[in-house]
Amino acid sequence: MREALIVWGGWSGHEPEQGAAIVAGMLEEEGFKVYVETSTEAFADPAIHDMSLIVPIYTMSKIEKEEVDNLTRAVEGGVGLGGYHGGMCDAFREAVAYQFMCGGQWVAHPGNIIDYRVNIVGDDPIVAGLADFDYRSEQYYMHVDPSNEVLATTRFSGEHAAWIEGVVMPVAWKRRHGKGRVFYSALGHVAREFEVPEMKTMLKRGLLWAAR
């Protein structure tokens, strides 16, 4: 049986506990044994090297050096990493090794909660059969790794920050970090966004792809 570790915490506005419960249910439906922790200390446990998948849901906050070192070594060794929104790519802002592994870092969401369009890119199995869709949430502006394999994008209108009008920004991607697979989706500001079928499908497929 494959095993997954979910570690949730950080800023409560992203509803990390609710999100962790939803993700745990998704993985359990796929036959995973899921462990849920609420402290970054879990990342320092040598046992994470035996996991199939690690899902951080931990906006902002701090991570100790031994924790991030052990986590990045686990992924480099083949453990999968996957997550969404600020729970993964606005976590541990001072930990550049963590950002290098994830492939991106949030920097802004002009206009806060707005309506925007998500555009599917290519026919990768993670997005196969999904059409472009409208979405209401924070539209994440991110600094991203050019080596990411982009699966979905969004275009900024410039209404809330005129100088970024027309910028096409990755919304979801997959990548490698050492032997590990990494998946990220910028969607999922609060738990109710899991009710959007395209958001939930893309995340679930991405997590399954990342899992060893």
C-alpha atoms as a PDB file:
ATOM      1  CA  MET A   1       0.000   0.000   0.000  1.00  0.00           C
ATOM      2  CA  ARG A   2       1.312   3.427  -0.931  1.00  0.00           C
ATOM      3  CA  GLU A   3       1.624   5.918   1.919  1.00  0.00           C
ATOM      4  CA  ALA A   4       1.130   9.690   1.850  1.00  0.00           C
ATOM      5  CA  LEU A   5       1.957  12.369   4.384  1.00  0.00           C
ATOM      6  CA  ILE A   6      -0.074  15.576   4.612  1.00  0.00           C
ATOM      7  CA  VAL A   7       1.336  18.345   6.811  1.00  0.00           C
ATOM      8  CA  TRP A   8      -1.026  21.267   7.383  1.00  0.00           C
ATOM      9  CA  GLY A   9      -0.815  24.540   9.281  1.00  0.00           C
ATOM     10  CA  GLY A  10       0.191  28.140   8.789  1.00  0.00           C
ATOM     11  CA  TRP A  11      -2.199  30.948   7.870  1.00  0.00           C
ATOM     12  CA  SER A  12      -5.757  29.941   8.754  1.00  0.00           C
ATOM     13  CA  GLY A  13      -7.341  31.997   5.948  1.00  0.00           C
ATOM     14  CA  HIS A  14      -6.459  29.246   3.478  1.00  0.00           C
ATOM     15  CA  GLU A  15      -8.464  26.749   5.546  1.00  0.00           C
ATOM     16  CA  PRO A  16      -5.608  24.245   5.741  1.00  0.00           C
ATOM     17  CA  GLU A  17      -7.382  21.806   8.056  1.00  0.00           C
ATOM     18  CA  GLN A  18     -10.399  21.561   5.750  1.00  0.00           C
ATOM     19  CA  GLY A  19      -8.174  21.238   2.696  1.00  0.00           C
ATOM     20  CA  ALA A  20      -6.109  18.511   4.355  1.00  0.00           C
ATOM     21  CA  ALA A  21      -9.257  16.526   5.095  1.00  0.00           C
ATOM     22  CA  ILE A  22     -10.412  16.775   1.474  1.00  0.00           C
ATOM     23  CA  VAL A  23      -7.022  15.773   0.077  1.00  0.00           C
ATOM     24  CA  ALA A  24      -6.773  12.893   2.551  1.00  0.00           C
ATOM     25  CA  GLY A  25     -10.146  11.624   1.370  1.00  0.00           C
ATOM     26  CA  MET A  26      -9.088  11.879  -2.278  1.00  0.00           C
ATOM     27  CA  LEU A  27      -5.966   9.837  -1.640  1.00  0.00           C
ATOM     28  CA  GLU A  28      -7.704   7.269   0.546  1.00  0.00           C
ATOM     29  CA  GLU A  29     -10.174   6.673  -2.282  1.00  0.00           C
ATOM     30  CA  GLU A  30      -7.155   5.744  -4.406  1.00  0.00           C
ATOM     31  CA  GLY A  31      -5.913   3.227  -1.856  1.00  0.00           C
ATOM     32  CA  PHE A  32      -3.318   5.306  -0.006  1.00  0.00           C
ATOM     33  CA  LYS A  33      -2.674   5.038   3.708  1.00  0.00           C
ATOM     34  CA  VAL A  34      -2.635   8.696   4.716  1.00  0.00           C
ATOM     35  CA  TYR A  35      -0.849  10.243   7.686  1.00  0.00           C
ATOM     36  CA  VAL A  36      -1.779  13.783   8.731  1.00  0.00           C
ATOM     37  CA  GLU A  37       0.498  15.993  10.830  1.00  0.00           C
ATOM     38  CA  THR A  38       0.226  19.610  11.971  1.00  0.00           C
ATOM     39  CA  SER A  39       3.857  20.552  12.612  1.00  0.00           C
ATOM     40  CA  THR A  40       6.769  21.098  10.253  1.00  0.00           C
ATOM     41  CA  GLU A  41       8.717  18.811  12.586  1.00  0.00           C
ATOM     42  CA  ALA A  42       7.211  15.970  10.552  1.00  0.00           C
ATOM     43  CA  PHE A  43       9.479  16.952   7.650  1.00  0.00           C
ATOM     44  CA  ALA A  44      12.555  16.079   9.747  1.00  0.00           C
ATOM     45  CA  ASP A  45      11.412  12.497  10.366  1.00  0.00           C
ATOM     46  CA  PRO A  46      13.621   9.970   8.521  1.00  0.00           C
ATOM     47  CA  ALA A  47      10.460   7.943   7.837  1.00  0.00           C
ATOM     48  CA  ILE A  48       9.368  10.397   5.129  1.00  0.00           C
ATOM     49  CA  HIS A  49      11.961   8.840   2.830  1.00  0.00           C
ATOM     50  CA  ASP A  50       9.704   5.778   2.666  1.00  0.00           C
ATOM     51  CA  MET A  51       6.600   7.731   1.655  1.00  0.00           C
ATOM     52  CA  SER A  52       5.095   7.697  -1.808  1.00  0.00           C
ATOM     53  CA  LEU A  53       3.846  11.278  -1.579  1.00  0.00           C
ATOM     54  CA  ILE A  54       4.177  14.358   0.616  1.00  0.00           C
ATOM     55  CA  VAL A  55       1.551  17.120   0.494  1.00  0.00           C
ATOM     56  CA  PRO A  56       2.444  20.384   2.292  1.00  0.00           C
ATOM     57  CA  ILE A  57      -0.535  22.610   3.127  1.00  0.00           C
ATOM     58  CA  TYR A  58       1.301  25.208   5.187  1.00  0.00           C
ATOM     59  CA  THR A  59       1.022  28.833   4.028  1.00  0.00           C
ATOM     60  CA  MET A  60       3.854  31.192   5.025  1.00  0.00           C
ATOM     61  CA  SER A  61       5.374  30.165   8.401  1.00  0.00           C
ATOM     62  CA  LYS A  62       8.913  29.014   9.152  1.00  0.00           C
ATOM     63  CA  ILE A  63      10.722  25.774   8.519  1.00  0.00           C
ATOM     64  CA  GLU A  64      13.904  24.757  10.298  1.00  0.00           C
ATOM     65  CA  LYS A  65      17.031  23.914   8.323  1.00  0.00           C
ATOM     66  CA  GLU A  66      17.046  20.262   9.317  1.00  0.00           C
ATOM     67  CA  GLU A  67      13.392  19.995   8.286  1.00  0.00           C
ATOM     68  CA  VAL A  68      13.814  21.457   4.817  1.00  0.00           C
ATOM     69  CA  ASP A  69      17.074  19.588   4.292  1.00  0.00           C
ATOM     70  CA  ASN A  70      15.425  16.252   5.075  1.00  0.00           C
ATOM     71  CA  LEU A  71      12.370  17.079   2.956  1.00  0.00           C
ATOM     72  CA  THR A  72      14.374  18.066  -0.108  1.00  0.00           C
ATOM     73  CA  ARG A  73      16.597  14.990   0.237  1.00  0.00           C
ATOM     74  CA  ALA A  74      13.499  12.795   0.378  1.00  0.00           C
ATOM     75  CA  VAL A  75      12.138  14.278  -2.851  1.00  0.00           C
ATOM     76  CA  GLU A  76      15.534  14.113  -4.549  1.00  0.00           C
ATOM     77  CA  GLY A  77      15.561  10.437  -3.601  1.00  0.00           C
ATOM     78  CA  GLY A  78      12.225   9.744  -5.270  1.00  0.00           C
ATOM     79  CA  VAL A  79       9.408  10.709  -2.902  1.00  0.00           C
ATOM     80  CA  GLY A  80       6.644  12.607  -4.714  1.00  0.00           C
ATOM     81  CA  LEU A  81       5.659  16.145  -3.743  1.00  0.00           C
ATOM     82  CA  GLY A  82       2.349  17.754  -4.623  1.00  0.00           C
ATOM     83  CA  GLY A  83       0.137  20.554  -3.463  1.00  0.00           C
ATOM     84  CA  TYR A  84      -1.873  23.627  -4.247  1.00  0.00           C
ATOM     85  CA  HIS A  85      -2.224  27.393  -3.843  1.00  0.00           C
ATOM     86  CA  GLY A  86      -0.399  29.054  -0.944  1.00  0.00           C
ATOM     87  CA  GLY A  87      -0.239  25.811   0.986  1.00  0.00           C
ATOM     88  CA  MET A  88       2.652  24.696  -1.180  1.00  0.00           C
ATOM     89  CA  CYS A  89       3.995  27.673  -3.133  1.00  0.00           C
ATOM     90  CA  ASP A  90       3.630  30.398  -0.543  1.00  0.00           C
ATOM     91  CA  ALA A  91       5.142  28.350   2.228  1.00  0.00           C
ATOM     92  CA  PHE A  92       8.436  28.993   4.022  1.00  0.00           C
ATOM     93  CA  ARG A  93       9.337  32.179   2.164  1.00  0.00           C
ATOM     94  CA  GLU A  94      12.881  32.269   3.501  1.00  0.00           C
ATOM     95  CA  ALA A  95      13.677  28.689   2.439  1.00  0.00           C
ATOM     96  CA  VAL A  96      15.081  29.022  -1.059  1.00  0.00           C
ATOM     97  CA  ALA A  97      15.909  25.293  -1.239  1.00  0.00           C
ATOM     98  CA  TYR A  98      12.217  24.589  -0.753  1.00  0.00           C
ATOM     99  CA  GLN A  99      11.258  27.054  -3.504  1.00  0.00           C
ATOM    100  CA  PHE A 100      13.860  25.526  -5.850  1.00  0.00           C
ATOM    101  CA  MET A 101      12.189  22.155  -5.311  1.00  0.00           C
ATOM    102  CA  CYS A 102       8.635  23.432  -5.828  1.00  0.00           C
ATOM    103  CA  GLY A 103       9.368  25.378  -8.998  1.00  0.00           C
ATOM    104  CA  GLY A 104       7.616  28.602  -8.062  1.00  0.00           C
ATOM    105  CA  GLN A 105       6.754  31.148  -5.403  1.00  0.00           C
ATOM    106  CA  TRP A 106       3.697  33.375  -5.020  1.00  0.00           C
ATOM    107  CA  VAL A 107       4.377  37.109  -5.087  1.00  0.00           C
ATOM    108  CA  ALA A 108       0.981  38.809  -5.665  1.00  0.00           C
ATOM    109  CA  HIS A 109      -2.719  38.363  -6.392  1.00  0.00           C
ATOM    110  CA  PRO A 110      -3.828  41.704  -7.890  1.00  0.00           C
ATOM    111  CA  GLY A 111      -7.478  42.453  -7.171  1.00  0.00           C
ATOM    112  CA  ASN A 112      -7.691  39.701  -4.540  1.00  0.00           C
ATOM    113  CA  ILE A 113     -10.801  37.559  -5.222  1.00  0.00           C
ATOM    114  CA  ILE A 114     -11.705  38.059  -8.882  1.00  0.00           C
ATOM    115  CA  ASP A 115     -13.156  36.225 -11.873  1.00  0.00           C
ATOM    116  CA  TYR A 116     -10.618  34.910 -14.363  1.00  0.00           C
ATOM    117  CA  ARG A 117     -10.109  32.202 -16.972  1.00  0.00           C
ATOM    118  CA  VAL A 118      -7.950  29.098 -16.670  1.00  0.00           C
ATOM    119  CA  ASN A 119      -6.580  27.787 -19.968  1.00  0.00           C
ATOM    120  CA  ILE A 120      -5.539  24.166 -20.354  1.00  0.00           C
ATOM    121  CA  VAL A 121      -2.188  23.601 -22.081  1.00  0.00           C
ATOM    122  CA  GLY A 122      -1.551  20.474 -24.132  1.00  0.00           C
ATOM    123  CA  ASP A 123      -2.950  16.991 -23.610  1.00  0.00           C
ATOM    124  CA  ASP A 124      -0.890  15.650 -20.716  1.00  0.00           C
ATOM    125  CA  PRO A 125      -2.841  12.945 -18.840  1.00  0.00           C
ATOM    126  CA  ILE A 126      -3.179  15.284 -15.861  1.00  0.00           C
ATOM    127  CA  VAL A 127      -5.329  17.671 -17.933  1.00  0.00           C
ATOM    128  CA  ALA A 128      -6.551  15.365 -20.706  1.00  0.00           C
ATOM    129  CA  GLY A 129     -10.240  15.914 -21.471  1.00  0.00           C
ATOM    130  CA  LEU A 130     -10.444  19.137 -19.477  1.00  0.00           C
ATOM    131  CA  ALA A 131     -11.564  22.298 -21.249  1.00  0.00           C
ATOM    132  CA  ASP A 132     -10.709  25.905 -20.403  1.00  0.00           C
ATOM    133  CA  PHE A 133     -12.854  27.100 -17.504  1.00  0.00           C
ATOM    134  CA  ASP A 134     -13.875  30.209 -15.595  1.00  0.00           C
ATOM    135  CA  TYR A 135     -12.737  30.500 -12.008  1.00  0.00           C
ATOM    136  CA  ARG A 136     -13.313  32.864  -9.089  1.00  0.00           C
ATOM    137  CA  SER A 137     -10.500  33.130  -6.593  1.00  0.00           C
ATOM    138  CA  GLU A 138      -7.152  34.808  -6.141  1.00  0.00           C
ATOM    139  CA  GLN A 139      -5.360  34.941  -9.486  1.00  0.00           C
ATOM    140  CA  TYR A 140      -1.817  34.085  -8.480  1.00  0.00           C
ATOM    141  CA  TYR A 141       1.099  36.038  -9.931  1.00  0.00           C
ATOM    142  CA  MET A 142       4.169  33.885  -9.366  1.00  0.00           C
ATOM    143  CA  HIS A 143       7.886  33.704  -9.931  1.00  0.00           C
ATOM    144  CA  VAL A 144       8.307  30.389 -11.726  1.00  0.00           C
ATOM    145  CA  ASP A 145      11.077  28.037 -12.805  1.00  0.00           C
ATOM    146  CA  PRO A 146      11.518  27.952 -16.611  1.00  0.00           C
ATOM    147  CA  SER A 147      12.087  24.186 -16.409  1.00  0.00           C
ATOM    148  CA  ASN A 148       8.487  23.555 -15.290  1.00  0.00           C
ATOM    149  CA  GLU A 149       6.252  21.599 -17.661  1.00  0.00           C
ATOM    150  CA  VAL A 150       3.213  23.893 -17.716  1.00  0.00           C
ATOM    151  CA  LEU A 151      -0.229  22.265 -17.712  1.00  0.00           C
ATOM    152  CA  ALA A 152      -2.517  25.312 -17.363  1.00  0.00           C
ATOM    153  CA  THR A 153      -2.182  29.086 -17.569  1.00  0.00           C
ATOM    154  CA  THR A 154      -4.109  32.295 -16.945  1.00  0.00           C
ATOM    155  CA  ARG A 155      -3.851  35.726 -18.566  1.00  0.00           C
ATOM    156  CA  PHE A 156      -3.840  38.932 -16.514  1.00  0.00           C
ATOM    157  CA  SER A 157      -6.195  41.668 -17.725  1.00  0.00           C
ATOM    158  CA  GLY A 158      -4.216  44.561 -16.277  1.00  0.00           C
ATOM    159  CA  GLU A 159      -7.328  45.888 -14.537  1.00  0.00           C
ATOM    160  CA  HIS A 160      -5.752  45.652 -11.080  1.00  0.00           C
ATOM    161  CA  ALA A 161      -2.099  46.186 -12.083  1.00  0.00           C
ATOM    162  CA  ALA A 162      -1.814  47.883 -15.477  1.00  0.00           C
ATOM    163  CA  TRP A 163       1.839  46.987 -16.022  1.00  0.00           C
ATOM    164  CA  ILE A 164       1.114  43.235 -16.172  1.00  0.00           C
ATOM    165  CA  GLU A 165      -1.654  43.456 -18.784  1.00  0.00           C
ATOM    166  CA  GLY A 166      -1.480  40.457 -21.078  1.00  0.00           C
ATOM    167  CA  VAL A 167       0.968  38.468 -18.966  1.00  0.00           C
ATOM    168  CA  VAL A 168       0.366  34.725 -19.297  1.00  0.00           C
ATOM    169  CA  MET A 169       1.091  33.012 -15.985  1.00  0.00           C
ATOM    170  CA  PRO A 170       1.368  29.287 -15.240  1.00  0.00           C
ATOM    171  CA  VAL A 171      -1.474  27.975 -13.055  1.00  0.00           C
ATOM    172  CA  ALA A 172      -0.392  24.336 -12.841  1.00  0.00           C
ATOM    173  CA  TRP A 173       2.804  22.502 -13.629  1.00  0.00           C
ATOM    174  CA  LYS A 174       4.763  19.337 -13.128  1.00  0.00           C
ATOM    175  CA  ARG A 175       8.519  18.938 -12.819  1.00  0.00           C
ATOM    176  CA  ARG A 176      11.302  16.724 -11.568  1.00  0.00           C
ATOM    177  CA  HIS A 177      13.490  17.372  -8.551  1.00  0.00           C
ATOM    178  CA  GLY A 178      16.203  14.761  -8.495  1.00  0.00           C
ATOM    179  CA  LYS A 179      14.393  11.424  -8.784  1.00  0.00           C
ATOM    180  CA  GLY A 180      11.169  12.873  -7.345  1.00  0.00           C
ATOM    181  CA  ARG A 181       8.115  14.083  -9.216  1.00  0.00           C
ATOM    182  CA  VAL A 182       6.618  17.451  -8.223  1.00  0.00           C
ATOM    183  CA  PHE A 183       3.123  18.738  -9.070  1.00  0.00           C
ATOM    184  CA  TYR A 184       1.585  22.117  -8.235  1.00  0.00           C
ATOM    185  CA  SER A 185      -1.727  23.894  -8.860  1.00  0.00           C
ATOM    186  CA  ALA A 186      -2.265  27.541  -7.909  1.00  0.00           C
ATOM    187  CA  LEU A 187      -6.023  26.955  -7.477  1.00  0.00           C
ATOM    188  CA  GLY A 188      -7.652  26.374  -4.102  1.00  0.00           C
ATOM    189  CA  HIS A 189      -7.727  29.500  -1.929  1.00  0.00           C
ATOM    190  CA  VAL A 190     -10.453  28.034   0.300  1.00  0.00           C
ATOM    191  CA  ALA A 191     -11.993  24.595   0.671  1.00  0.00           C
ATOM    192  CA  ARG A 192     -15.164  25.337  -1.306  1.00  0.00           C
ATOM    193  CA  GLU A 193     -13.076  25.652  -4.471  1.00  0.00           C
ATOM    194  CA  PHE A 194     -12.774  21.866  -4.447  1.00  0.00           C
ATOM    195  CA  GLU A 195     -16.392  21.934  -5.627  1.00  0.00           C
ATOM    196  CA  VAL A 196     -15.118  23.113  -9.036  1.00  0.00           C
ATOM    197  CA  PRO A 197     -14.746  19.823 -10.946  1.00  0.00           C
ATOM    198  CA  GLU A 198     -11.809  20.938 -13.079  1.00  0.00           C
ATOM    199  CA  MET A 199      -9.854  22.155 -10.053  1.00  0.00           C
ATOM    200  CA  LYS A 200     -10.373  18.934  -8.106  1.00  0.00           C
ATOM    201  CA  THR A 201      -9.721  16.661 -11.078  1.00  0.00           C
ATOM    202  CA  MET A 202      -6.475  18.404 -12.008  1.00  0.00           C
ATOM    203  CA  LEU A 203      -5.199  18.300  -8.426  1.00  0.00           C
ATOM    204  CA  LYS A 204      -6.120  14.662  -7.897  1.00  0.00           C
ATOM    205  CA  ARG A 205      -4.502  13.556 -11.148  1.00  0.00           C
ATOM    206  CA  GLY A 206      -1.421  15.641 -10.364  1.00  0.00           C
ATOM    207  CA  LEU A 207      -1.004  14.116  -6.922  1.00  0.00           C
ATOM    208  CA  LEU A 208      -1.371  10.621  -8.328  1.00  0.00           C
ATOM    209  CA  TRP A 209       1.212  11.392 -11.017  1.00  0.00           C
ATOM    210  CA  ALA A 210       3.659  12.728  -8.424  1.00  0.00           C
ATOM    211  CA  ALA A 211       3.272   9.787  -6.042  1.00  0.00           C
ATOM    212  CA  ARG A 212       5.988   7.181  -6.167  1.00  0.00           C
END
